[in-house]
Amino acid sequence: MASKLLSAVILFLLVAVVTASDPDIITDFIIPANSTAAAIDGNFFTFTGMRSIVAGDDYPPSFKVTKASMAEFPALNGQSVSLAVLEFPAGSVNPPHTHPRSAELLFVVAGSLEVGFIDTTNKLYTQTLQPGDIFVFPKGLVHFQSNSDPKEPAAAVSAFGSANAGTVSVPSTVFATGIDDDVLAKAFKTDIATIQKIKSGLAPKA
């Protein structure tokens, strides 16, 4: 998986630069508030958080995303790019979610993925992706990825035209943020007991 991920990262960094959409900056780069220009060197422009993924062949026990966005890599501030590596053990899913500040370009590196998004007319667009396939999720639309293979893992690299694309997880946002049970029961045309059962399943494990 290591060499495939390296190739994917290079490709997607180039694509992300071309498709950038954050506001332009009027300096070469943005120096963090707690630093000075004299203190900036090559380390500031280097992110090493993907090394363990590239070096290893083991997949995590559940779906995992490793991000290189502005939060993890401050040099991206103002550069309109970010990247993420998605690891899917057999049978795992990246639940429905949105990225409010960017489209997502997904490149499958290993395994196969079922993907889809819903447009603003509530039409579902789905596809089965194989290694080497690229799929675009339009900005702000609800989408998902799923590895339905019961035995084989999958991996993908996502590029974003924003240093901070943001992620809004639909299950967590709707059921784990304190919205009143009665409101949710009416919205989903069900009863409060069902809502509470869903909420308990999303509660953080102690």
Protein backbone atom coordinates (compact mmCIF):
# COMPACT_ATOMS: atom_id res chain seq x y z
CA MET A 1 0.00 0.00 0.00
CA ALA A 2 2.92 2.33 0.69
CA SER A 3 4.01 3.03 -2.89
CA LYS A 4 0.42 3.43 -4.06
CA LEU A 5 -0.27 6.00 -1.34
CA LEU A 6 2.87 7.95 -2.20
CA SER A 7 1.86 8.20 -5.87
CA ALA A 8 -1.67 9.18 -4.90
CA VAL A 9 -0.48 11.93 -2.56
CA ILE A 10 1.72 13.46 -5.27
CA LEU A 11 -1.10 13.39 -7.82
CA PHE A 12 -3.66 14.85 -5.46
CA LEU A 13 -1.43 17.63 -4.22
CA LEU A 14 -1.05 18.75 -7.83
CA VAL A 15 -4.78 18.51 -8.50
CA ALA A 16 -5.64 20.33 -5.28
CA VAL A 17 -3.36 23.23 -6.19
CA VAL A 18 -5.11 23.60 -9.54
CA THR A 19 -8.61 23.45 -8.03
CA ALA A 20 -8.01 25.70 -5.01
CA SER A 21 -10.90 27.91 -3.89
CA ASP A 22 -9.98 29.67 -0.61
CA PRO A 23 -9.59 33.47 -0.69
CA ASP A 24 -6.30 34.70 -2.13
CA ILE A 25 -3.61 35.92 0.25
CA ILE A 26 -1.29 38.88 -0.41
CA THR A 27 1.86 37.27 1.00
CA ASP A 28 3.77 34.16 -0.02
CA PHE A 29 2.54 32.33 3.07
CA ILE A 30 0.98 33.09 6.44
CA ILE A 31 3.26 33.15 9.46
CA PRO A 32 1.57 31.84 12.64
CA ALA A 33 0.81 34.45 15.28
CA ASN A 34 3.19 32.80 17.74
CA SER A 35 6.14 32.85 15.32
CA THR A 36 8.35 35.19 13.27
CA ALA A 37 9.65 35.11 9.69
CA ALA A 38 13.17 34.51 10.98
CA ALA A 39 12.03 31.37 12.80
CA ILE A 40 10.43 29.82 9.71
CA ASP A 41 12.44 27.11 7.94
CA GLY A 42 11.75 23.97 5.91
CA ASN A 43 10.23 22.23 8.90
CA PHE A 44 7.29 24.62 8.82
CA PHE A 45 6.40 23.44 5.30
CA THR A 46 6.78 19.74 6.14
CA PHE A 47 4.04 17.42 7.43
CA THR A 48 5.12 14.00 8.66
CA GLY A 49 1.77 12.72 9.91
CA MET A 50 1.33 10.25 7.03
CA ARG A 51 4.59 8.36 7.61
CA SER A 52 3.02 5.59 9.66
CA ILE A 53 0.45 4.94 6.92
CA VAL A 54 3.01 4.79 4.13
CA ALA A 55 5.42 2.66 6.17
CA GLY A 56 2.88 0.09 7.36
CA ASP A 57 0.61 -2.47 5.73
CA ASP A 58 -1.81 -2.93 8.63
CA TYR A 59 -5.28 -1.40 8.48
CA PRO A 60 -6.95 0.01 11.60
CA PRO A 61 -9.78 -2.00 13.22
CA SER A 62 -12.41 0.54 12.10
CA PHE A 63 -12.69 3.28 9.49
CA LYS A 64 -9.99 5.90 9.97
CA VAL A 65 -9.24 9.23 8.32
CA THR A 66 -5.84 10.90 8.69
CA LYS A 67 -6.02 14.58 7.79
CA ALA A 68 -3.45 17.08 6.63
CA SER A 69 -5.54 20.22 6.94
CA MET A 70 -4.76 23.62 8.42
CA ALA A 71 -5.31 22.32 11.96
CA GLU A 72 -2.70 19.58 11.61
CA PHE A 73 -0.42 21.41 9.14
CA PRO A 74 -0.43 25.19 9.81
CA ALA A 75 1.59 25.96 6.67
CA LEU A 76 -1.59 25.24 4.67
CA ASN A 77 -3.22 28.41 6.02
CA GLY A 78 -3.95 30.56 2.97
CA GLN A 79 -2.82 27.92 0.47
CA SER A 80 -6.29 26.58 -0.44
CA VAL A 81 -5.29 22.90 -0.30
CA SER A 82 -5.57 19.99 2.09
CA LEU A 83 -5.47 16.24 1.93
CA ALA A 84 -6.73 13.17 3.77
CA VAL A 85 -5.99 9.46 3.68
CA LEU A 86 -9.01 7.20 4.27
CA GLU A 87 -8.51 3.63 5.48
CA PHE A 88 -11.42 1.19 5.27
CA PRO A 89 -11.15 -2.21 6.97
CA ALA A 90 -13.39 -4.90 5.47
CA GLY A 91 -17.06 -4.03 5.86
CA SER A 92 -16.50 -0.49 7.17
CA VAL A 93 -18.18 2.77 6.23
CA ASN A 94 -17.50 6.50 6.26
CA PRO A 95 -21.01 7.68 7.34
CA PRO A 96 -22.95 10.35 5.43
CA HIS A 97 -21.31 13.76 5.88
CA THR A 98 -20.62 17.05 4.14
CA HIS A 99 -17.69 19.39 3.60
CA PRO A 100 -19.18 22.90 3.72
CA ARG A 101 -16.14 24.72 2.32
CA SER A 102 -14.88 22.47 -0.47
CA ALA A 103 -15.59 19.80 -3.03
CA GLU A 104 -13.80 16.49 -2.44
CA LEU A 105 -11.81 14.59 -5.05
CA LEU A 106 -11.48 10.94 -4.00
CA PHE A 107 -8.81 8.67 -5.52
CA VAL A 108 -9.06 4.94 -4.72
CA VAL A 109 -5.66 3.41 -3.97
CA ALA A 110 -6.58 -0.13 -2.90
CA GLY A 111 -9.69 -2.30 -2.70
CA SER A 112 -13.07 -1.16 -3.93
CA LEU A 113 -15.52 1.40 -2.57
CA GLU A 114 -19.23 2.05 -2.96
CA VAL A 115 -19.67 5.83 -2.97
CA GLY A 116 -22.49 8.28 -3.47
CA PHE A 117 -23.87 11.75 -2.90
CA ILE A 118 -27.31 13.37 -2.81
CA ASP A 119 -27.95 16.59 -4.72
CA THR A 120 -30.31 19.40 -3.71
CA THR A 121 -33.22 17.73 -5.52
CA ASN A 122 -32.70 14.61 -3.34
CA LYS A 123 -31.35 12.57 -6.27
CA LEU A 124 -28.79 9.92 -5.28
CA TYR A 125 -25.71 9.40 -7.46
CA THR A 126 -23.74 6.21 -6.73
CA GLN A 127 -20.77 4.39 -8.17
CA THR A 128 -18.55 1.40 -7.46
CA LEU A 129 -14.91 2.47 -7.59
CA GLN A 130 -11.83 0.36 -8.24
CA PRO A 131 -8.14 1.22 -7.69
CA GLY A 132 -7.17 4.12 -9.93
CA ASP A 133 -10.72 5.52 -10.11
CA ILE A 134 -11.47 9.12 -9.15
CA PHE A 135 -14.85 10.43 -7.96
CA VAL A 136 -15.85 14.00 -7.14
CA PHE A 137 -18.24 14.93 -4.33
CA PRO A 138 -19.62 18.43 -5.02
CA LYS A 139 -19.11 21.09 -2.37
CA GLY A 140 -21.51 20.98 0.56
CA LEU A 141 -23.52 17.92 -0.57
CA VAL A 142 -24.14 14.92 1.69
CA HIS A 143 -22.02 11.95 0.63
CA PHE A 144 -20.61 8.64 1.87
CA GLN A 145 -18.10 5.89 1.14
CA SER A 146 -18.46 2.21 2.02
CA ASN A 147 -16.25 -0.85 1.75
CA SER A 148 -18.83 -3.60 1.33
CA ASP A 149 -16.24 -6.33 0.84
CA PRO A 150 -16.42 -8.63 3.91
CA LYS A 151 -12.77 -9.69 3.64
CA GLU A 152 -10.63 -7.12 1.83
CA PRO A 153 -9.70 -3.63 3.10
CA ALA A 154 -9.68 -0.50 0.95
CA ALA A 155 -7.86 2.82 0.96
CA ALA A 156 -8.31 6.18 -0.73
CA VAL A 157 -6.78 9.64 -0.81
CA SER A 158 -8.98 12.75 -0.79
CA ALA A 159 -7.93 16.20 -1.97
CA PHE A 160 -9.74 19.43 -1.06
CA GLY A 161 -9.60 22.93 -2.55
CA SER A 162 -9.54 24.45 0.92
CA ALA A 163 -7.07 24.44 3.79
CA ASN A 164 -10.02 23.80 6.09
CA ALA A 165 -12.82 22.04 4.22
CA GLY A 166 -14.71 21.20 7.41
CA THR A 167 -16.64 17.99 8.06
CA VAL A 168 -20.24 17.75 9.24
CA SER A 169 -21.15 14.15 10.12
CA VAL A 170 -24.88 13.68 9.58
CA PRO A 171 -25.47 11.00 12.29
CA SER A 172 -23.42 12.80 14.93
CA THR A 173 -24.73 16.26 14.07
CA VAL A 174 -28.37 15.19 14.14
CA PHE A 175 -28.37 12.69 17.00
CA ALA A 176 -25.43 13.55 19.26
CA THR A 177 -25.58 17.33 19.70
CA GLY A 178 -28.51 17.69 22.08
CA ILE A 179 -31.44 18.29 19.71
CA ASP A 180 -34.61 17.58 21.67
CA ASP A 181 -35.94 14.01 21.31
CA ASP A 182 -39.44 15.27 20.55
CA VAL A 183 -38.17 17.45 17.71
CA LEU A 184 -36.27 14.53 16.20
CA ALA A 185 -39.18 12.12 16.64
CA LYS A 186 -41.47 14.50 14.76
CA ALA A 187 -38.88 15.22 12.06
CA PHE A 188 -38.24 11.53 11.39
CA LYS A 189 -41.88 10.54 11.90
CA THR A 190 -41.08 8.04 14.63
CA ASP A 191 -41.32 7.78 18.41
CA ILE A 192 -39.06 9.11 21.15
CA ALA A 193 -37.95 5.60 22.17
CA THR A 194 -36.53 5.01 18.68
CA ILE A 195 -34.69 8.33 18.78
CA GLN A 196 -33.22 7.51 22.17
CA LYS A 197 -32.07 4.13 20.90
CA ILE A 198 -30.27 5.78 17.97
CA LYS A 199 -28.71 8.35 20.32
CA SER A 200 -27.45 5.65 22.67
CA GLY A 201 -25.70 3.94 19.77
CA LEU A 202 -23.85 7.16 18.93
CA ALA A 203 -22.89 8.04 22.51
CA PRO A 204 -19.12 8.15 23.11
CA LYS A 205 -17.78 4.91 24.55
CA ALA A 206 -16.62 5.29 28.17
